[in-house]
Amino acid sequence: MASNAPVGKPTEMSSPHLPKHLQQHLPKVAGIDSTVPAPPHTKAPLAGVPAAAAPVDATPAPGALITDRLAGWVSDLTTLHELTERLIRTAALDEALHELLGAGAALVGARRGMAVLEPADGLGPATTIGLGLAHADLGTIETVPRGATGYGRLLDGLPDPSDPGRVPEPIAIHDVRTEEGLDPRHREVAARLGYAASYALPLATEEAGRLGAVVWLYDEPAAPTDRQRHLIGLYGRFATEHLGRLLQVERARVQVSTVAEELLPSRLPRVPGVRLAARHGTGPRGGGDWYDALPLPEGALGLSVGSVSGTGPSALAAMGRLRASLRAYAVMEGEDPVAVLSDLELLLRLTEPARSATALFAYAEPARRRLVLAGAGHAPPLLIGERRTEYVETSLSAPLGMLSCWEAPSVELSPAPGETVLLYTDGLLRRTGDPVDRAFARLHAAAASVSRTDRDDPGAIADHVLRTVLPDGLDPAVEGEDVVLLAARFD
């Protein structure tokens, strides 16, 4: 088709201006540098890149024209390959949108831009990000009526009821000052932000549907050439399909996280003599970590944390069943944590023989500041106080479901007034990426460094430990296990 035919030799005004980190990777074809100077209304050419030489002969030989044209095609293909390779390595929606904005700006010869993610099905997520625009600038642009902007017309015009599969054409505004029919507010905002032209591209394909739109802004009156339109059209279709895949992953992650949160306590109980706080982070595929705090007769309290093997919906379902069973056993025989975990071991072996789990259960009497706890393959709790920070030595045991008969003695603990017992799952240690001994040392150091003022608040203690052990934060989009912390401060 004619619309897909490669175009001729790039000119000084039409060639995409690539970022410096991409220019150094572009190959030289037949001795021709594939990068050329940028248009004067965008960025200045990079230092060391030769300007396009003026033709010596006004009528070059046919062979030279073919060579130049082939070099232009190869340059375009190389450019698209580099940009799509960078895009496909993005694993999150915001990261992909930023990459799309930057690559698109290079292809159309612009300096700034804005991407709006707004799926047509209304299921979200919806977001707006900018390139070379501050947050306040994005807000200023959004004060223009949507129907008066190119990107707004693309968003509001999809899907077309008469032709739902049709993908609209990009919208170019060559000169905001002279374009007929523009809203006065549009001209006012353009003058305030210092842009004179725009090029809006729909983020839509027949397969992915409408996902949003992206617009690039020119500092001076301009518009992409036919060659630039062709390149950004190819790149935009690829980017839309990639965004569609990331969108499905993000929605699945949100659904898994929502289910996990619904399976955990909606609020922690209030029991005299103890204050509780919990923190829970779900990995992108969803794991089976849980925590629980259950009021028991005579002012007692059952505390538990645990982790079911596996990820995804099946692990979440298993976690829900195991946690519900543990609550029942705690009500019946909570004073004996060994009996509670023994019953849980038997249940797991009979109902889910292919699955294992770790668990820690503590029977607490806050009025007496007394805990009796037992663990099955679980990391030992931490005791945090003004005078000491130490691990509680629990009996060694294999995880639930891995022994034909499980029983390990419980241990008794008496926290001093103002001390906090911190229960956690193995995901906190594994997320550090350190060997086990170093991960335990890092956790101990984090607990020991809690300030005196924060020691009165179990929530502040949990937050401090999370920030210190995982300084990069707990990004739910980053591959990794669930993380659970349950802090109980005794008065």
Protein backbone atom coordinates (compact mmCIF):
# COMPACT_ATOMS: atom_id res chain seq x y z
CA MET A 1 0.00 0.00 0.00
CA ALA A 2 1.15 3.49 -0.75
CA SER A 3 0.74 4.62 2.84
CA ASN A 4 3.26 2.04 3.98
CA ALA A 5 5.87 2.72 1.31
CA PRO A 6 9.17 3.98 2.68
CA VAL A 7 9.84 7.61 2.02
CA GLY A 8 12.87 9.22 0.56
CA LYS A 9 16.09 10.64 1.90
CA PRO A 10 15.67 12.45 5.23
CA THR A 11 16.00 16.19 5.07
CA GLU A 12 17.35 18.58 7.65
CA MET A 13 13.84 19.64 8.68
CA SER A 14 12.15 16.24 8.70
CA SER A 15 14.58 13.78 10.26
CA PRO A 16 13.84 12.58 13.79
CA HIS A 17 16.30 13.84 16.37
CA LEU A 18 17.24 10.97 18.65
CA PRO A 19 18.40 11.26 22.24
CA LYS A 20 22.15 11.10 22.78
CA HIS A 21 21.99 7.68 24.44
CA LEU A 22 20.39 6.27 21.26
CA GLN A 23 22.62 8.06 18.72
CA GLN A 24 25.74 6.29 19.88
CA HIS A 25 24.13 2.90 19.17
CA LEU A 26 22.86 3.60 15.64
CA PRO A 27 25.00 1.85 13.00
CA LYS A 28 26.65 3.57 10.06
CA VAL A 29 25.24 2.38 6.74
CA ALA A 30 27.44 2.56 3.63
CA GLY A 31 29.55 5.20 5.35
CA ILE A 32 26.52 7.46 5.98
CA ASP A 33 25.81 8.78 9.48
CA SER A 34 22.23 7.84 10.31
CA THR A 35 21.75 10.87 12.57
CA VAL A 36 21.13 14.32 11.19
CA PRO A 37 20.64 17.75 12.80
CA ALA A 38 17.33 18.48 14.50
CA PRO A 39 14.81 20.98 13.17
CA PRO A 40 15.52 24.53 14.40
CA HIS A 41 12.24 24.68 16.32
CA THR A 42 13.25 21.83 18.63
CA LYS A 43 16.68 21.09 20.04
CA ALA A 44 20.10 22.11 18.76
CA PRO A 45 22.15 19.41 16.99
CA LEU A 46 24.42 17.39 19.20
CA ALA A 47 28.05 18.39 19.31
CA GLY A 48 30.19 16.37 16.97
CA VAL A 49 27.33 15.38 14.63
CA PRO A 50 28.12 16.70 11.14
CA ALA A 51 25.54 18.83 9.40
CA ALA A 52 24.02 17.57 6.17
CA ALA A 53 26.33 18.55 3.30
CA ALA A 54 24.90 20.66 0.50
CA PRO A 55 24.69 18.76 -2.80
CA VAL A 56 27.55 19.53 -5.12
CA ASP A 57 25.72 18.53 -8.26
CA ALA A 58 22.12 19.63 -8.74
CA THR A 59 21.46 16.53 -10.82
CA PRO A 60 23.06 13.57 -9.03
CA ALA A 61 23.42 10.25 -10.78
CA PRO A 62 20.49 7.78 -10.47
CA GLY A 63 22.72 5.35 -8.57
CA ALA A 64 23.48 7.96 -5.93
CA LEU A 65 19.75 8.68 -5.47
CA ILE A 66 19.02 4.98 -4.96
CA THR A 67 21.90 4.66 -2.49
CA ASP A 68 20.70 7.66 -0.52
CA ARG A 69 17.14 6.38 -0.50
CA LEU A 70 18.21 2.95 0.73
CA ALA A 71 20.33 4.58 3.43
CA GLY A 72 17.27 6.55 4.54
CA TRP A 73 15.14 3.40 4.73
CA VAL A 74 17.78 1.58 6.74
CA SER A 75 18.12 4.57 9.05
CA ASP A 76 14.36 4.63 9.65
CA LEU A 77 14.21 0.90 10.35
CA THR A 78 17.19 1.11 12.68
CA THR A 79 15.61 3.99 14.55
CA LEU A 80 12.30 2.16 14.99
CA HIS A 81 14.12 -0.98 16.09
CA GLU A 82 16.05 0.90 18.77
CA LEU A 83 12.96 2.68 20.06
CA THR A 84 10.71 -0.37 20.13
CA GLU A 85 13.42 -2.38 21.87
CA ARG A 86 13.56 0.25 24.61
CA LEU A 87 9.76 0.32 24.88
CA ILE A 88 9.33 -3.44 25.12
CA ARG A 89 11.69 -3.51 28.12
CA THR A 90 9.30 -1.34 30.16
CA ALA A 91 7.25 -3.31 32.68
CA ALA A 92 4.90 -0.68 34.13
CA LEU A 93 2.34 1.66 32.59
CA ASP A 94 3.93 4.92 33.77
CA GLU A 95 7.36 3.78 32.62
CA ALA A 96 6.00 2.85 29.19
CA LEU A 97 4.15 6.16 28.82
CA HIS A 98 7.32 8.11 29.65
CA GLU A 99 9.25 6.09 27.08
CA LEU A 100 6.52 6.65 24.50
CA LEU A 101 6.57 10.41 25.07
CA GLY A 102 10.34 10.67 24.74
CA ALA A 103 10.63 8.45 21.66
CA GLY A 104 7.68 10.14 19.99
CA ALA A 105 9.17 13.58 20.59
CA ALA A 106 12.33 12.44 18.82
CA LEU A 107 10.37 11.06 15.89
CA VAL A 108 8.17 14.10 15.28
CA GLY A 109 10.83 16.69 16.16
CA ALA A 110 9.13 18.16 19.24
CA ARG A 111 10.45 19.03 22.67
CA ARG A 112 7.49 18.62 25.00
CA GLY A 113 4.41 16.44 25.21
CA MET A 114 1.60 14.96 27.27
CA ALA A 115 0.13 11.44 27.38
CA VAL A 116 -3.36 10.68 28.65
CA LEU A 117 -4.25 7.10 29.54
CA GLU A 118 -8.04 6.78 29.57
CA PRO A 119 -9.30 3.33 28.50
CA ALA A 120 -12.61 3.45 26.66
CA ASP A 121 -14.14 0.67 28.80
CA GLY A 122 -14.00 2.95 31.84
CA LEU A 123 -12.29 0.33 33.99
CA GLY A 124 -9.12 2.39 34.41
CA PRO A 125 -6.54 3.10 35.45
CA ALA A 126 -6.56 6.68 34.19
CA THR A 127 -3.47 8.86 34.36
CA THR A 128 -1.82 11.88 32.73
CA ILE A 129 1.93 12.39 32.46
CA GLY A 130 4.06 15.03 30.79
CA LEU A 131 7.39 15.44 29.03
CA GLY A 132 9.09 18.77 29.71
CA LEU A 133 5.94 19.93 31.51
CA ALA A 134 5.57 20.48 35.24
CA HIS A 135 2.56 19.20 37.13
CA ALA A 136 1.14 22.72 37.16
CA ASP A 137 1.57 22.94 33.37
CA LEU A 138 -0.47 19.78 32.91
CA GLY A 139 -3.20 21.27 35.08
CA THR A 140 -3.14 24.44 33.01
CA ILE A 141 -3.57 22.48 29.77
CA GLU A 142 -6.48 20.59 31.28
CA THR A 143 -8.31 23.89 31.87
CA VAL A 144 -8.85 24.10 28.11
CA PRO A 145 -12.18 22.50 27.12
CA ARG A 146 -11.36 19.01 25.88
CA GLY A 147 -13.22 19.47 22.64
CA ALA A 148 -10.97 22.43 21.79
CA THR A 149 -7.76 20.37 21.86
CA GLY A 150 -6.49 17.77 19.44
CA TYR A 151 -5.97 15.10 22.09
CA GLY A 152 -9.39 15.85 23.60
CA ARG A 153 -11.15 15.38 20.27
CA LEU A 154 -9.40 12.04 19.89
CA LEU A 155 -10.46 10.93 23.37
CA ASP A 156 -14.06 12.10 23.03
CA GLY A 157 -14.43 10.83 19.48
CA LEU A 158 -13.74 7.19 20.34
CA PRO A 159 -15.35 4.83 19.88
CA ASP A 160 -17.40 5.95 16.90
CA PRO A 161 -20.90 4.42 17.27
CA SER A 162 -21.24 4.16 13.50
CA ASP A 163 -17.86 2.44 13.12
CA PRO A 164 -16.54 1.18 16.50
CA GLY A 165 -13.51 -0.47 14.90
CA ARG A 166 -12.31 2.69 13.19
CA VAL A 167 -9.16 4.31 14.50
CA PRO A 168 -9.23 8.10 13.98
CA GLU A 169 -6.52 10.01 12.21
CA PRO A 170 -3.95 12.09 14.13
CA ILE A 171 -4.75 15.78 14.54
CA ALA A 172 -2.17 18.45 13.73
CA ILE A 173 -2.53 22.11 14.68
CA HIS A 174 0.09 23.92 12.59
CA ASP A 175 -0.16 27.30 14.32
CA VAL A 176 -2.22 27.89 17.44
CA ARG A 177 -2.25 31.62 16.81
CA THR A 178 -3.73 31.46 13.30
CA GLU A 179 -5.67 28.16 13.30
CA GLU A 180 -9.33 28.82 12.58
CA GLY A 181 -12.02 27.80 15.03
CA LEU A 182 -9.78 27.37 18.09
CA ASP A 183 -11.16 28.17 21.51
CA PRO A 184 -9.72 31.46 22.90
CA ARG A 185 -8.74 29.62 26.07
CA HIS A 186 -6.60 27.29 23.96
CA ARG A 187 -4.69 30.23 22.48
CA GLU A 188 -4.28 31.77 25.95
CA VAL A 189 -2.85 28.59 27.46
CA ALA A 190 -0.53 28.05 24.49
CA ALA A 191 0.85 31.56 24.86
CA ARG A 192 1.32 31.12 28.60
CA LEU A 193 3.19 27.83 28.25
CA GLY A 194 5.12 28.90 25.17
CA TYR A 195 4.04 26.41 22.53
CA ALA A 196 2.84 27.31 19.04
CA ALA A 197 1.78 24.01 17.44
CA SER A 198 0.77 20.47 18.39
CA TYR A 199 0.44 16.99 16.98
CA ALA A 200 -1.99 14.57 18.66
CA LEU A 201 -1.88 10.83 18.09
CA PRO A 202 -4.56 8.35 19.22
CA LEU A 203 -3.46 5.43 21.36
CA ALA A 204 -5.90 3.04 19.74
CA THR A 205 -5.91 -0.04 17.55
CA GLU A 206 -8.70 -2.35 16.42
CA GLU A 207 -7.36 -5.06 18.74
CA ALA A 208 -6.63 -3.02 21.88
CA GLY A 209 -9.45 -0.49 21.46
CA ARG A 210 -9.02 3.05 22.72
CA LEU A 211 -6.49 3.43 25.50
CA GLY A 212 -5.88 7.18 25.35
CA ALA A 213 -4.06 9.81 23.36
CA VAL A 214 -0.70 11.55 23.26
CA VAL A 215 0.11 15.08 22.08
CA TRP A 216 3.48 16.66 21.32
CA LEU A 217 4.01 20.42 21.51
CA TYR A 218 6.23 22.54 19.25
CA ASP A 219 7.89 25.75 20.35
CA GLU A 220 7.26 27.33 16.93
CA PRO A 221 4.64 26.84 14.20
CA ALA A 222 5.37 23.44 12.66
CA ALA A 223 3.95 20.06 11.73
CA PRO A 224 5.46 16.62 11.15
CA THR A 225 6.48 15.77 7.61
CA ASP A 226 4.97 12.80 5.77
CA ARG A 227 8.02 10.75 6.72
CA GLN A 228 7.69 11.65 10.39
CA ARG A 229 3.97 10.88 10.35
CA HIS A 230 4.69 7.49 8.85
CA LEU A 231 7.32 6.65 11.50
CA ILE A 232 5.27 7.85 14.47
CA GLY A 233 2.25 5.97 13.13
CA LEU A 234 4.18 2.70 13.08
CA TYR A 235 5.66 3.34 16.50
CA GLY A 236 2.32 4.43 17.93
CA ARG A 237 0.56 1.23 16.87
CA PHE A 238 3.30 -0.88 18.44
CA ALA A 239 3.22 1.24 21.62
CA THR A 240 -0.56 0.91 21.91
CA GLU A 241 -0.42 -2.88 21.77
CA HIS A 242 2.34 -2.90 24.40
CA LEU A 243 0.33 -0.55 26.63
CA GLY A 244 -2.69 -2.82 26.21
CA ARG A 245 -0.71 -5.78 27.53
CA LEU A 246 0.62 -3.77 30.47
CA LEU A 247 -2.90 -2.55 31.19
CA GLN A 248 -4.18 -6.11 31.51
CA VAL A 249 -1.29 -6.99 33.83
CA GLU A 250 -1.97 -3.93 35.99
CA ARG A 251 -5.67 -4.72 36.24
CA ALA A 252 -4.93 -8.31 37.21
CA ARG A 253 -2.48 -7.10 39.86
CA VAL A 254 -5.07 -4.72 41.31
CA GLN A 255 -7.69 -7.46 41.39
CA VAL A 256 -5.32 -9.86 43.15
CA SER A 257 -4.36 -7.16 45.65
CA THR A 258 -8.02 -6.37 46.31
CA VAL A 259 -8.86 -10.04 46.92
CA ALA A 260 -5.86 -10.38 49.24
CA GLU A 261 -6.92 -7.34 51.27
CA GLU A 262 -10.49 -8.65 51.52
CA LEU A 263 -9.23 -11.94 52.93
CA LEU A 264 -7.33 -10.13 55.70
CA PRO A 265 -8.81 -8.34 58.73
CA SER A 266 -10.62 -5.13 57.79
CA ARG A 267 -9.60 -3.67 61.15
CA LEU A 268 -7.55 -4.77 64.14
CA PRO A 269 -9.32 -5.41 67.46
CA ARG A 270 -8.94 -3.16 70.49
CA VAL A 271 -7.89 -5.11 73.53
CA PRO A 272 -6.89 -3.39 76.81
CA GLY A 273 -3.17 -3.56 77.54
CA VAL A 274 -1.93 -3.86 73.95
CA ARG A 275 -1.88 -1.73 70.80
CA LEU A 276 -1.69 -3.30 67.36
CA ALA A 277 -0.57 -2.22 63.90
CA ALA A 278 -0.20 -4.16 60.64
CA ARG A 279 1.40 -3.53 57.27
CA HIS A 280 0.75 -5.66 54.21
CA GLY A 281 2.19 -5.43 50.70
CA THR A 282 1.15 -7.74 47.86
CA GLY A 283 3.44 -8.77 45.02
CA PRO A 284 2.32 -8.37 41.39
CA ARG A 285 1.19 -12.00 41.13
CA GLY A 286 -0.29 -12.17 44.60
CA GLY A 287 1.04 -14.43 47.30
CA GLY A 288 -0.45 -16.22 50.26
CA ASP A 289 0.89 -14.22 53.23
CA TRP A 290 -1.53 -13.37 56.01
CA TYR A 291 -1.79 -11.84 59.45
CA ASP A 292 -4.55 -12.02 62.04
CA ALA A 293 -5.48 -10.71 65.46
CA LEU A 294 -8.40 -12.47 67.15
CA PRO A 295 -9.98 -11.46 70.48
CA LEU A 296 -10.32 -14.49 72.75
CA PRO A 297 -12.20 -15.05 76.04
CA GLU A 298 -11.06 -13.40 79.28
CA GLY A 299 -9.27 -10.53 77.55
CA ALA A 300 -6.82 -12.77 75.69
CA LEU A 301 -5.68 -12.24 72.14
CA GLY A 302 -4.58 -14.61 69.38
CA LEU A 303 -1.88 -13.28 67.03
CA SER A 304 -0.78 -15.08 63.88
CA VAL A 305 1.22 -14.56 60.71
CA GLY A 306 1.91 -17.07 57.99
CA SER A 307 2.62 -17.76 54.36
CA VAL A 308 1.19 -20.32 51.95
CA SER A 309 3.44 -21.62 49.18
CA GLY A 310 2.74 -20.50 45.64
CA THR A 311 1.36 -17.35 44.03
CA GLY A 312 -1.76 -16.28 42.25
CA PRO A 313 -5.46 -16.94 42.90
CA SER A 314 -4.93 -20.52 44.10
CA ALA A 315 -2.47 -19.37 46.78
CA LEU A 316 -4.88 -16.64 47.86
CA ALA A 317 -7.72 -19.15 48.15
CA ALA A 318 -5.53 -21.52 50.17
CA MET A 319 -4.46 -18.66 52.42
CA GLY A 320 -8.10 -17.75 53.07
CA ARG A 321 -9.01 -21.32 53.99
CA LEU A 322 -5.99 -21.77 56.23
CA ARG A 323 -6.48 -18.48 58.05
CA ALA A 324 -10.17 -19.22 58.65
CA SER A 325 -9.30 -22.66 60.00
CA LEU A 326 -6.64 -21.23 62.29
CA ARG A 327 -9.19 -18.81 63.75
CA ALA A 328 -11.51 -21.73 64.54
CA TYR A 329 -8.75 -23.75 66.20
CA ALA A 330 -7.64 -20.65 68.16
CA VAL A 331 -11.14 -20.23 69.61
CA MET A 332 -11.28 -23.89 70.66
CA GLU A 333 -7.75 -24.38 72.03
CA GLY A 334 -5.90 -21.07 71.73
CA GLU A 335 -4.19 -21.42 75.10
CA ASP A 336 -2.09 -24.17 73.56
CA PRO A 337 -0.42 -22.83 70.40
CA VAL A 338 1.16 -26.23 69.72
CA ALA A 339 -2.30 -27.83 69.54
CA VAL A 340 -3.51 -25.07 67.21
CA LEU A 341 -0.65 -25.59 64.77
CA SER A 342 -0.91 -29.38 65.05
CA ASP A 343 -4.55 -29.22 63.98
CA LEU A 344 -3.59 -26.90 61.13
CA GLU A 345 -0.86 -29.31 60.03
CA LEU A 346 -3.31 -32.19 59.90
CA LEU A 347 -5.86 -30.15 57.97
CA LEU A 348 -3.30 -29.08 55.39
CA ARG A 349 -1.99 -32.60 54.82
CA LEU A 350 -5.51 -34.00 54.35
CA THR A 351 -7.02 -31.26 52.20
CA GLU A 352 -4.04 -29.92 50.22
CA PRO A 353 -1.24 -32.49 50.26
CA ALA A 354 0.68 -30.70 47.49
CA ARG A 355 0.93 -27.43 49.41
CA SER A 356 3.02 -26.30 52.36
CA ALA A 357 2.84 -23.29 54.64
CA THR A 358 4.70 -21.56 57.44
CA ALA A 359 2.88 -20.16 60.44
CA LEU A 360 3.43 -18.57 63.81
CA PHE A 361 0.70 -18.40 66.45
CA ALA A 362 0.89 -16.55 69.77
CA TYR A 363 -1.59 -16.67 72.65
CA ALA A 364 -1.32 -13.28 74.41
CA GLU A 365 -2.60 -12.17 77.79
CA PRO A 366 -2.04 -8.38 77.64
CA ALA A 367 -3.10 -7.77 81.24
CA ARG A 368 -0.30 -10.06 82.43
CA ARG A 369 2.08 -9.10 79.58
CA ARG A 370 2.48 -12.77 78.76
CA LEU A 371 2.78 -14.56 75.42
CA VAL A 372 2.93 -18.25 74.59
CA LEU A 373 3.92 -18.87 71.00
CA ALA A 374 4.83 -21.65 68.62
CA GLY A 375 6.09 -21.60 65.05
CA ALA A 376 6.13 -24.00 62.11
CA GLY A 377 8.99 -23.23 59.76
CA HIS A 378 8.51 -19.53 60.43
CA ALA A 379 11.00 -16.75 61.12
CA PRO A 380 11.33 -15.84 64.83
CA PRO A 381 9.62 -12.67 66.09
CA LEU A 382 11.54 -9.61 67.23
CA LEU A 383 11.27 -8.07 70.66
CA ILE A 384 11.86 -4.30 70.48
CA GLY A 385 12.31 -2.15 73.57
CA GLU A 386 14.35 0.65 75.05
CA ARG A 387 16.76 -1.73 76.78
CA ARG A 388 16.86 -4.62 74.31
CA THR A 389 16.25 -5.60 70.69
CA GLU A 390 16.47 -9.34 70.20
CA TYR A 391 15.00 -12.28 68.36
CA VAL A 392 12.75 -14.61 70.33
CA GLU A 393 14.20 -18.09 70.18
CA THR A 394 11.43 -20.40 69.00
CA SER A 395 11.75 -24.15 68.56
CA LEU A 396 12.91 -25.27 65.14
CA SER A 397 10.27 -26.98 63.04
CA ALA A 398 9.59 -27.83 59.42
CA PRO A 399 6.76 -25.97 57.64
CA LEU A 400 3.20 -27.22 57.86
CA GLY A 401 2.41 -30.02 55.45
CA MET A 402 5.97 -31.35 55.27
CA LEU A 403 5.95 -33.82 58.17
CA SER A 404 3.73 -36.82 58.85
CA CYS A 405 3.58 -35.78 62.48
CA TRP A 406 4.37 -32.26 63.64
CA GLU A 407 4.89 -31.10 67.19
CA ALA A 408 7.39 -28.67 68.66
CA PRO A 409 7.34 -27.15 72.14
CA SER A 410 6.04 -23.65 72.62
CA VAL A 411 7.99 -20.85 74.27
CA GLU A 412 6.81 -18.28 76.80
CA LEU A 413 7.66 -14.61 76.61
CA SER A 414 7.10 -11.72 79.05
CA PRO A 415 7.51 -8.31 77.37
CA ALA A 416 8.38 -5.41 79.62
CA PRO A 417 6.07 -2.36 79.69
CA GLY A 418 6.51 -0.40 76.46
CA GLU A 419 8.10 -3.26 74.53
CA THR A 420 6.82 -4.35 71.14
CA VAL A 421 6.68 -7.84 69.64
CA LEU A 422 7.11 -7.71 65.86
CA LEU A 423 5.81 -10.64 63.81
CA TYR A 424 6.62 -10.75 60.08
CA THR A 425 6.72 -13.09 57.08
CA ASP A 426 9.74 -14.32 55.14
CA GLY A 427 8.91 -11.99 52.25
CA LEU A 428 10.40 -9.08 54.23
CA LEU A 429 13.73 -10.87 54.36
CA ARG A 430 13.69 -12.16 50.79
CA ARG A 431 12.81 -8.77 49.31
CA THR A 432 16.17 -7.48 50.51
CA GLY A 433 17.99 -9.78 48.09
CA ASP A 434 20.58 -10.54 50.79
CA PRO A 435 21.65 -13.94 52.09
CA VAL A 436 19.55 -15.10 55.02
CA ASP A 437 22.07 -14.19 57.73
CA ARG A 438 22.60 -10.69 56.33
CA ALA A 439 18.85 -10.19 55.93
CA PHE A 440 18.31 -11.07 59.59
CA ALA A 441 21.14 -8.71 60.57
CA ARG A 442 19.58 -5.90 58.51
CA LEU A 443 16.19 -6.46 60.14
CA HIS A 444 17.73 -6.44 63.61
CA ALA A 445 19.63 -3.22 62.87
CA ALA A 446 16.45 -1.59 61.57
CA ALA A 447 14.53 -2.53 64.71
CA ALA A 448 17.36 -1.36 66.98
CA SER A 449 17.44 2.04 65.25
CA VAL A 450 13.81 2.91 66.03
CA SER A 451 13.78 6.29 67.75
CA ARG A 452 12.55 6.69 71.31
CA THR A 453 9.49 8.68 70.21
CA ASP A 454 8.51 6.05 67.61
CA ARG A 455 8.71 3.21 70.13
CA ASP A 456 5.41 4.34 71.64
CA ASP A 457 3.56 3.76 68.35
CA PRO A 458 3.46 0.24 66.83
CA GLY A 459 2.53 1.70 63.46
CA ALA A 460 5.56 3.99 63.49
CA ILE A 461 7.76 1.03 64.40
CA ALA A 462 6.43 -1.02 61.48
CA ASP A 463 6.88 1.90 59.07
CA HIS A 464 10.43 2.55 60.25
CA VAL A 465 11.39 -1.10 59.85
CA LEU A 466 9.92 -1.21 56.34
CA ARG A 467 11.69 1.99 55.27
CA THR A 468 15.02 0.85 56.69
CA VAL A 469 14.98 -2.76 55.49
CA LEU A 470 13.56 -1.86 52.06
CA PRO A 471 14.85 1.67 51.33
CA ASP A 472 13.54 1.55 47.74
CA GLY A 473 10.03 0.96 49.01
CA LEU A 474 7.58 -1.81 48.38
CA ASP A 475 6.50 -1.25 44.79
CA PRO A 476 3.56 -3.60 44.07
CA ALA A 477 4.55 -3.69 40.38
CA VAL A 478 8.03 -5.05 41.14
CA GLU A 479 8.36 -8.80 41.13
CA GLY A 480 8.67 -10.15 44.64
CA GLU A 481 6.93 -11.86 47.51
CA ASP A 482 4.27 -10.50 49.81
CA VAL A 483 5.40 -8.66 52.91
CA VAL A 484 3.53 -8.73 56.22
CA LEU A 485 4.35 -7.06 59.54
CA LEU A 486 2.22 -7.28 62.69
CA ALA A 487 3.37 -5.19 65.67
CA ALA A 488 1.95 -5.57 69.20
CA ARG A 489 3.05 -2.99 71.78
CA PHE A 490 2.36 -3.91 75.41
CA ASP A 491 1.49 -1.18 77.93
